[in-house]
C-alpha atoms as a PDB file:
ATOM      1  CA  UNK A   1     -13.135  -3.479 -24.366  1.00  0.00           C
ATOM      2  CA  UNK A   2     -11.158  -1.714 -21.638  1.00  0.00           C
ATOM      3  CA  UNK A   3      -7.421  -1.436 -22.272  1.00  0.00           C
ATOM      4  CA  UNK A   4      -5.152  -1.167 -19.239  1.00  0.00           C
ATOM      5  CA  UNK A   5      -2.411   1.206 -20.322  1.00  0.00           C
ATOM      6  CA  UNK A   6      -1.323   2.597 -16.956  1.00  0.00           C
ATOM      7  CA  UNK A   7       1.924   2.000 -15.135  1.00  0.00           C
ATOM      8  CA  UNK A   8       2.036  -1.511 -13.665  1.00  0.00           C
ATOM      9  CA  UNK A   9       3.444  -0.269 -10.356  1.00  0.00           C
ATOM     10  CA  UNK A  10       0.673   2.301  -9.903  1.00  0.00           C
ATOM     11  CA  UNK A  11      -2.025  -0.221 -10.814  1.00  0.00           C
ATOM     12  CA  UNK A  12      -0.577  -2.767  -8.375  1.00  0.00           C
ATOM     13  CA  UNK A  13      -0.338  -0.131  -5.642  1.00  0.00           C
ATOM     14  CA  UNK A  14      -3.992   0.827  -5.989  1.00  0.00           C
ATOM     15  CA  UNK A  15      -5.102  -2.803  -6.284  1.00  0.00           C
ATOM     16  CA  UNK A  16      -3.188  -3.921  -3.205  1.00  0.00           C
ATOM     17  CA  UNK A  17      -4.290  -0.786  -1.323  1.00  0.00           C
ATOM     18  CA  UNK A  18      -7.971  -1.599  -1.875  1.00  0.00           C
ATOM     19  CA  UNK A  19      -7.705  -5.207  -0.706  1.00  0.00           C
ATOM     20  CA  UNK A  20      -7.207  -4.764   3.091  1.00  0.00           C
ATOM     21  CA  UNK A  21     -10.355  -2.642   3.671  1.00  0.00           C
ATOM     22  CA  UNK A  22     -12.403  -5.044   1.537  1.00  0.00           C
ATOM     23  CA  UNK A  23     -11.063  -8.052   3.437  1.00  0.00           C
ATOM     24  CA  UNK A  24     -11.923  -6.416   6.785  1.00  0.00           C
ATOM     25  CA  UNK A  25     -15.477  -5.646   5.655  1.00  0.00           C
ATOM     26  CA  UNK A  26     -15.934  -9.200   4.331  1.00  0.00           C
ATOM     27  CA  UNK A  27     -14.610 -10.684   7.584  1.00  0.00           C
ATOM     28  CA  UNK A  28     -17.004  -8.530   9.607  1.00  0.00           C
ATOM     29  CA  UNK A  29     -19.916  -9.464   7.344  1.00  0.00           C
ATOM     30  CA  UNK A  30     -19.160 -13.169   7.661  1.00  0.00           C
ATOM     31  CA  UNK A  31     -18.779 -12.999  11.437  1.00  0.00           C
ATOM     32  CA  UNK A  32     -21.808 -10.670  11.689  1.00  0.00           C
ATOM     33  CA  UNK A  33     -19.822  -8.084  13.666  1.00  0.00           C
ATOM     34  CA  UNK A  34     -21.287  -4.572  13.685  1.00  0.00           C
ATOM     35  CA  UNK A  35     -20.448  -2.096  12.330  1.00  0.00           C
ATOM     36  CA  UNK A  36     -19.352  -3.656   9.062  1.00  0.00           C
ATOM     37  CA  UNK A  37     -17.555  -0.534   7.886  1.00  0.00           C
ATOM     38  CA  UNK A  38     -15.592   1.966   9.974  1.00  0.00           C
ATOM     39  CA  UNK A  39     -14.163   4.842   7.958  1.00  0.00           C
ATOM     40  CA  UNK A  40     -11.021   5.326  10.072  1.00  0.00           C
ATOM     41  CA  UNK A  41     -10.157   1.633   9.915  1.00  0.00           C
ATOM     42  CA  UNK A  42     -10.751   1.561   6.162  1.00  0.00           C
ATOM     43  CA  UNK A  43      -8.421   4.516   5.541  1.00  0.00           C
ATOM     44  CA  UNK A  44      -5.755   3.030   7.813  1.00  0.00           C
ATOM     45  CA  UNK A  45      -6.052  -0.371   6.116  1.00  0.00           C
ATOM     46  CA  UNK A  46      -5.855   1.222   2.671  1.00  0.00           C
ATOM     47  CA  UNK A  47      -2.726   3.215   3.535  1.00  0.00           C
ATOM     48  CA  UNK A  48      -1.069   0.097   4.968  1.00  0.00           C
ATOM     49  CA  UNK A  49      -1.903  -1.788   1.780  1.00  0.00           C
ATOM     50  CA  UNK A  50      -0.637   1.010  -0.458  1.00  0.00           C
ATOM     51  CA  UNK A  51       2.735   0.927   1.296  1.00  0.00           C
ATOM     52  CA  UNK A  52       3.309  -2.757   0.554  1.00  0.00           C
ATOM     53  CA  UNK A  53       4.102  -2.387  -3.152  1.00  0.00           C
ATOM     54  CA  UNK A  54       6.804   0.317  -2.811  1.00  0.00           C
ATOM     55  CA  UNK A  55       8.379  -1.497   0.159  1.00  0.00           C
ATOM     56  CA  UNK A  56       8.455  -4.835  -1.670  1.00  0.00           C
ATOM     57  CA  UNK A  57       9.852  -3.224  -4.805  1.00  0.00           C
ATOM     58  CA  UNK A  58      12.561  -1.399  -2.847  1.00  0.00           C
ATOM     59  CA  UNK A  59      13.576  -4.677  -1.229  1.00  0.00           C
ATOM     60  CA  UNK A  60      13.384  -6.457  -4.587  1.00  0.00           C
ATOM     61  CA  UNK A  61      15.615  -3.905  -6.269  1.00  0.00           C
ATOM     62  CA  UNK A  62      18.573  -5.638  -4.626  1.00  0.00           C
ATOM     63  CA  UNK A  63      17.962  -8.581  -6.944  1.00  0.00           C
ATOM     64  CA  UNK A  64      17.062  -6.706 -10.133  1.00  0.00           C
ATOM     65  CA  UNK A  65      17.788  -3.170 -11.276  1.00  0.00           C
ATOM     66  CA  UNK A  66      14.702  -3.414 -13.528  1.00  0.00           C
ATOM     67  CA  UNK A  67      12.502  -3.463 -10.408  1.00  0.00           C
ATOM     68  CA  UNK A  68      13.986  -0.168  -9.229  1.00  0.00           C
ATOM     69  CA  UNK A  69      13.631   1.284 -12.732  1.00  0.00           C
ATOM     70  CA  UNK A  70       9.932   0.360 -12.728  1.00  0.00           C
ATOM     71  CA  UNK A  71       9.452   1.880  -9.270  1.00  0.00           C
ATOM     72  CA  UNK A  72      11.175   5.138 -10.213  1.00  0.00           C
ATOM     73  CA  UNK A  73       9.224   5.361 -13.481  1.00  0.00           C
ATOM     74  CA  UNK A  74       5.925   5.117 -11.605  1.00  0.00           C
ATOM     75  CA  UNK A  75       4.146   8.109 -10.152  1.00  0.00           C
ATOM     76  CA  UNK A  76       6.380   9.807  -7.621  1.00  0.00           C
ATOM     77  CA  UNK A  77       3.572   9.670  -5.067  1.00  0.00           C
ATOM     78  CA  UNK A  78       3.949   5.867  -4.884  1.00  0.00           C
ATOM     79  CA  UNK A  79       7.579   6.164  -3.860  1.00  0.00           C
ATOM     80  CA  UNK A  80       6.855   9.130  -1.594  1.00  0.00           C
ATOM     81  CA  UNK A  81       4.155   7.262   0.344  1.00  0.00           C
ATOM     82  CA  UNK A  82       6.534   4.401   1.021  1.00  0.00           C
ATOM     83  CA  UNK A  83       9.302   6.778   2.043  1.00  0.00           C
ATOM     84  CA  UNK A  84       7.125   8.857   4.368  1.00  0.00           C
ATOM     85  CA  UNK A  85       5.686   5.745   6.007  1.00  0.00           C
ATOM     86  CA  UNK A  86       9.185   4.385   6.556  1.00  0.00           C
ATOM     87  CA  UNK A  87      10.260   7.735   7.987  1.00  0.00           C
ATOM     88  CA  UNK A  88       7.329   7.709  10.439  1.00  0.00           C
ATOM     89  CA  UNK A  89       8.258   4.212  11.622  1.00  0.00           C
ATOM     90  CA  UNK A  90      11.903   5.169  12.160  1.00  0.00           C
ATOM     91  CA  UNK A  91      11.020   8.437  13.909  1.00  0.00           C
ATOM     92  CA  UNK A  92       8.534   6.536  16.071  1.00  0.00           C
ATOM     93  CA  UNK A  93      11.394   4.412  17.382  1.00  0.00           C
ATOM     94  CA  UNK A  94      13.372   7.514  18.396  1.00  0.00           C
ATOM     95  CA  UNK A  95      10.443   9.192  20.111  1.00  0.00           C
ATOM     96  CA  UNK A  96       9.306   6.108  22.091  1.00  0.00           C
ATOM     97  CA  UNK A  97       8.942   6.735  25.759  1.00  0.00           C
END
């Protein structure tokens, strides 16, 4: 039997990150829209999904210090992805024409 012994935050990040591309492909299959899979869309959807867990945990840390402890104890890349994405959004507001 497979034992899941990884960090819960990292597992949730990967799980949530894989859902958006799968949902898009399923929606396209059900509506019979071609092409079913577009690589650029899949990567973009995955990155958007991966950012959800760190963002939600950062917001949730206001209510529980244990949430922040779990986030910080996860792989640093999880926190870095959320931070870089947030930075891009903020910088995008400054650079708007």
